[in-house]
Amino acid sequence: MNNQLNNPLHGKTLEIILNELVLAYGFEELANQIDINCFKSNPSVKSSLTFLRRTPWARTKVENLYIAYLREKYADQ
């Protein structure tokens, strides 16, 4: 059995990850952190999800930012 206890992305959909990042940073800061147009030009969760699902390199950047966000969030506790 593949144990995913140490994987912070386990059980998290891309939509959950994106919503949490938007809530924490907002689209403007996301665009500063990750230079992609879906965060810059008329951003929405729906349009960003469409782009990220089709673009593996961008999805990886968002997932890496989410992992860094979680480390920062739980380091303060």
N, C-alpha and C. Protein backbone atom coordinates (compact mmCIF):
# COMPACT_ATOMS: atom_id res chain seq x y z
N MET A 1 0.84 -1.19 0.00
CA MET A 1 0.00 0.00 0.00
C MET A 1 0.88 1.25 0.00
N ASN A 2 0.54 2.20 -0.84
CA ASN A 2 1.31 3.43 -0.96
C ASN A 2 0.87 4.42 0.12
N ASN A 3 1.77 4.72 1.05
CA ASN A 3 1.45 5.60 2.16
C ASN A 3 1.73 7.05 1.77
N GLN A 4 0.73 7.90 1.90
CA GLN A 4 0.86 9.30 1.49
C GLN A 4 0.85 10.26 2.68
N LEU A 5 1.14 9.78 3.87
CA LEU A 5 1.05 10.62 5.06
C LEU A 5 1.93 11.86 4.99
N ASN A 6 3.09 11.77 4.38
CA ASN A 6 4.02 12.90 4.33
C ASN A 6 3.86 13.75 3.07
N ASN A 7 2.85 13.48 2.27
CA ASN A 7 2.62 14.24 1.05
C ASN A 7 1.57 15.32 1.32
N PRO A 8 1.99 16.60 1.37
CA PRO A 8 1.02 17.67 1.69
C PRO A 8 -0.03 17.87 0.60
N LEU A 9 0.17 17.31 -0.58
CA LEU A 9 -0.80 17.46 -1.66
C LEU A 9 -1.82 16.32 -1.68
N HIS A 10 -1.58 15.29 -0.89
CA HIS A 10 -2.48 14.13 -0.90
C HIS A 10 -3.88 14.54 -0.44
N GLY A 11 -4.86 14.20 -1.27
CA GLY A 11 -6.25 14.51 -0.94
C GLY A 11 -6.68 15.92 -1.27
N LYS A 12 -5.77 16.71 -1.82
CA LYS A 12 -6.08 18.11 -2.17
C LYS A 12 -6.27 18.21 -3.68
N THR A 13 -7.41 18.72 -4.09
CA THR A 13 -7.62 18.95 -5.51
C THR A 13 -6.94 20.26 -5.90
N LEU A 14 -6.73 20.42 -7.17
CA LEU A 14 -6.16 21.68 -7.66
C LEU A 14 -7.05 22.86 -7.28
N GLU A 15 -8.34 22.65 -7.30
CA GLU A 15 -9.28 23.73 -6.94
C GLU A 15 -9.11 24.13 -5.47
N ILE A 16 -8.98 23.16 -4.60
CA ILE A 16 -8.77 23.47 -3.17
C ILE A 16 -7.46 24.22 -2.98
N ILE A 17 -6.41 23.77 -3.64
CA ILE A 17 -5.10 24.41 -3.53
C ILE A 17 -5.18 25.85 -4.01
N LEU A 18 -5.78 26.05 -5.18
CA LEU A 18 -5.86 27.40 -5.75
C LEU A 18 -6.71 28.32 -4.88
N ASN A 19 -7.85 27.83 -4.41
CA ASN A 19 -8.70 28.66 -3.54
C ASN A 19 -7.98 29.07 -2.27
N GLU A 20 -7.21 28.17 -1.69
CA GLU A 20 -6.47 28.49 -0.48
C GLU A 20 -5.38 29.53 -0.75
N LEU A 21 -4.69 29.40 -1.89
CA LEU A 21 -3.65 30.37 -2.25
C LEU A 21 -4.26 31.74 -2.56
N VAL A 22 -5.39 31.77 -3.25
CA VAL A 22 -6.05 33.04 -3.55
C VAL A 22 -6.50 33.71 -2.26
N LEU A 23 -7.02 32.94 -1.34
CA LEU A 23 -7.45 33.49 -0.05
C LEU A 23 -6.26 34.04 0.73
N ALA A 24 -5.15 33.33 0.69
CA ALA A 24 -3.96 33.74 1.45
C ALA A 24 -3.23 34.92 0.81
N TYR A 25 -3.10 34.90 -0.53
CA TYR A 25 -2.26 35.88 -1.21
C TYR A 25 -3.04 36.86 -2.10
N GLY A 26 -4.13 36.42 -2.69
CA GLY A 26 -4.82 37.22 -3.70
C GLY A 26 -4.16 37.02 -5.06
N PHE A 27 -4.90 37.33 -6.12
CA PHE A 27 -4.37 37.11 -7.46
C PHE A 27 -3.18 38.01 -7.77
N GLU A 28 -3.17 39.21 -7.25
CA GLU A 28 -2.05 40.12 -7.54
C GLU A 28 -0.73 39.55 -7.03
N GLU A 29 -0.73 39.06 -5.80
CA GLU A 29 0.50 38.48 -5.25
C GLU A 29 0.83 37.15 -5.92
N LEU A 30 -0.18 36.37 -6.29
CA LEU A 30 0.08 35.14 -7.04
C LEU A 30 0.78 35.46 -8.35
N ALA A 31 0.35 36.52 -9.02
CA ALA A 31 0.99 36.93 -10.28
C ALA A 31 2.43 37.37 -10.04
N ASN A 32 2.70 37.97 -8.89
CA ASN A 32 4.07 38.35 -8.56
C ASN A 32 4.93 37.11 -8.29
N GLN A 33 4.34 36.13 -7.63
CA GLN A 33 5.07 34.91 -7.28
C GLN A 33 5.27 33.99 -8.48
N ILE A 34 4.22 33.87 -9.31
CA ILE A 34 4.24 32.97 -10.47
C ILE A 34 3.80 33.80 -11.68
N ASP A 35 4.70 34.04 -12.58
CA ASP A 35 4.45 34.92 -13.72
C ASP A 35 3.69 34.21 -14.84
N ILE A 36 2.37 34.09 -14.65
CA ILE A 36 1.51 33.52 -15.69
C ILE A 36 0.29 34.41 -15.87
N ASN A 37 -0.17 34.52 -17.11
CA ASN A 37 -1.24 35.45 -17.44
C ASN A 37 -2.57 35.15 -16.77
N CYS A 38 -2.84 33.89 -16.44
CA CYS A 38 -4.13 33.59 -15.82
C CYS A 38 -4.26 34.24 -14.45
N PHE A 39 -3.16 34.66 -13.84
CA PHE A 39 -3.20 35.38 -12.57
C PHE A 39 -3.14 36.89 -12.78
N LYS A 40 -2.81 37.34 -13.98
CA LYS A 40 -2.62 38.76 -14.25
C LYS A 40 -3.81 39.40 -14.98
N SER A 41 -4.25 38.76 -16.02
CA SER A 41 -5.24 39.34 -16.92
C SER A 41 -6.64 38.79 -16.61
N ASN A 42 -7.47 39.62 -15.99
CA ASN A 42 -8.84 39.25 -15.65
C ASN A 42 -8.89 37.90 -14.93
N PRO A 43 -8.21 37.77 -13.78
CA PRO A 43 -8.09 36.47 -13.13
C PRO A 43 -9.39 36.00 -12.48
N SER A 44 -9.60 34.71 -12.55
CA SER A 44 -10.68 34.05 -11.82
C SER A 44 -10.21 32.64 -11.52
N VAL A 45 -10.82 32.04 -10.53
CA VAL A 45 -10.46 30.67 -10.17
C VAL A 45 -10.78 29.75 -11.34
N LYS A 46 -11.93 29.94 -11.96
CA LYS A 46 -12.35 29.05 -13.05
C LYS A 46 -11.37 29.10 -14.23
N SER A 47 -11.01 30.30 -14.68
CA SER A 47 -10.10 30.41 -15.82
C SER A 47 -8.70 29.91 -15.45
N SER A 48 -8.29 30.16 -14.23
CA SER A 48 -6.97 29.68 -13.78
C SER A 48 -6.94 28.16 -13.73
N LEU A 49 -8.01 27.54 -13.24
CA LEU A 49 -8.07 26.08 -13.19
C LEU A 49 -7.98 25.49 -14.59
N THR A 50 -8.68 26.09 -15.54
CA THR A 50 -8.64 25.61 -16.92
C THR A 50 -7.21 25.64 -17.44
N PHE A 51 -6.52 26.75 -17.24
CA PHE A 51 -5.14 26.87 -17.71
C PHE A 51 -4.22 25.88 -16.98
N LEU A 52 -4.32 25.81 -15.67
CA LEU A 52 -3.41 24.98 -14.89
C LEU A 52 -3.60 23.49 -15.18
N ARG A 53 -4.82 23.09 -15.47
CA ARG A 53 -5.06 21.68 -15.79
C ARG A 53 -4.46 21.28 -17.13
N ARG A 54 -4.29 22.24 -18.01
CA ARG A 54 -3.72 21.97 -19.34
C ARG A 54 -2.22 22.22 -19.42
N THR A 55 -1.65 22.82 -18.38
CA THR A 55 -0.26 23.26 -18.43
C THR A 55 0.51 22.70 -17.24
N PRO A 56 1.13 21.53 -17.42
CA PRO A 56 1.79 20.86 -16.29
C PRO A 56 2.87 21.70 -15.59
N TRP A 57 3.66 22.46 -16.34
CA TRP A 57 4.73 23.24 -15.70
C TRP A 57 4.14 24.32 -14.79
N ALA A 58 3.02 24.91 -15.19
CA ALA A 58 2.39 25.95 -14.36
C ALA A 58 1.76 25.31 -13.12
N ARG A 59 1.14 24.16 -13.30
CA ARG A 59 0.54 23.46 -12.17
C ARG A 59 1.62 23.11 -11.15
N THR A 60 2.77 22.66 -11.61
CA THR A 60 3.87 22.33 -10.72
C THR A 60 4.31 23.54 -9.92
N LYS A 61 4.37 24.70 -10.56
CA LYS A 61 4.75 25.93 -9.85
C LYS A 61 3.73 26.28 -8.77
N VAL A 62 2.45 26.11 -9.08
CA VAL A 62 1.39 26.40 -8.10
C VAL A 62 1.49 25.41 -6.94
N GLU A 63 1.69 24.14 -7.24
CA GLU A 63 1.82 23.14 -6.18
C GLU A 63 3.04 23.42 -5.31
N ASN A 64 4.15 23.83 -5.90
CA ASN A 64 5.35 24.15 -5.13
C ASN A 64 5.12 25.37 -4.24
N LEU A 65 4.40 26.37 -4.75
CA LEU A 65 4.07 27.54 -3.94
C LEU A 65 3.17 27.13 -2.78
N TYR A 66 2.24 26.24 -3.03
CA TYR A 66 1.34 25.77 -1.97
C TYR A 66 2.12 25.05 -0.87
N ILE A 67 3.07 24.22 -1.26
CA ILE A 67 3.90 23.52 -0.27
C ILE A 67 4.70 24.53 0.56
N ALA A 68 5.26 25.54 -0.09
CA ALA A 68 6.00 26.58 0.63
C ALA A 68 5.06 27.35 1.56
N TYR A 69 3.85 27.62 1.09
CA TYR A 69 2.84 28.30 1.91
C TYR A 69 2.52 27.48 3.16
N LEU A 70 2.33 26.17 2.99
CA LEU A 70 2.03 25.31 4.13
C LEU A 70 3.18 25.28 5.13
N ARG A 71 4.41 25.21 4.62
CA ARG A 71 5.57 25.21 5.51
C ARG A 71 5.61 26.49 6.33
N GLU A 72 5.37 27.62 5.68
CA GLU A 72 5.37 28.91 6.36
C GLU A 72 4.23 28.99 7.37
N LYS A 73 3.08 28.52 6.97
CA LYS A 73 1.88 28.57 7.82
C LYS A 73 2.08 27.76 9.09
N TYR A 74 2.62 26.54 8.95
CA TYR A 74 2.76 25.67 10.11
C TYR A 74 4.06 25.92 10.88
N ALA A 75 5.00 26.63 10.32
CA ALA A 75 6.21 27.00 11.04
C ALA A 75 5.90 28.03 12.11
N ASP A 76 4.85 28.83 11.89
CA ASP A 76 4.46 29.87 12.84
C ASP A 76 3.71 29.30 14.05
N GLN A 77 3.30 28.06 13.97
CA GLN A 77 2.50 27.48 15.06
C GLN A 77 3.36 26.81 16.08
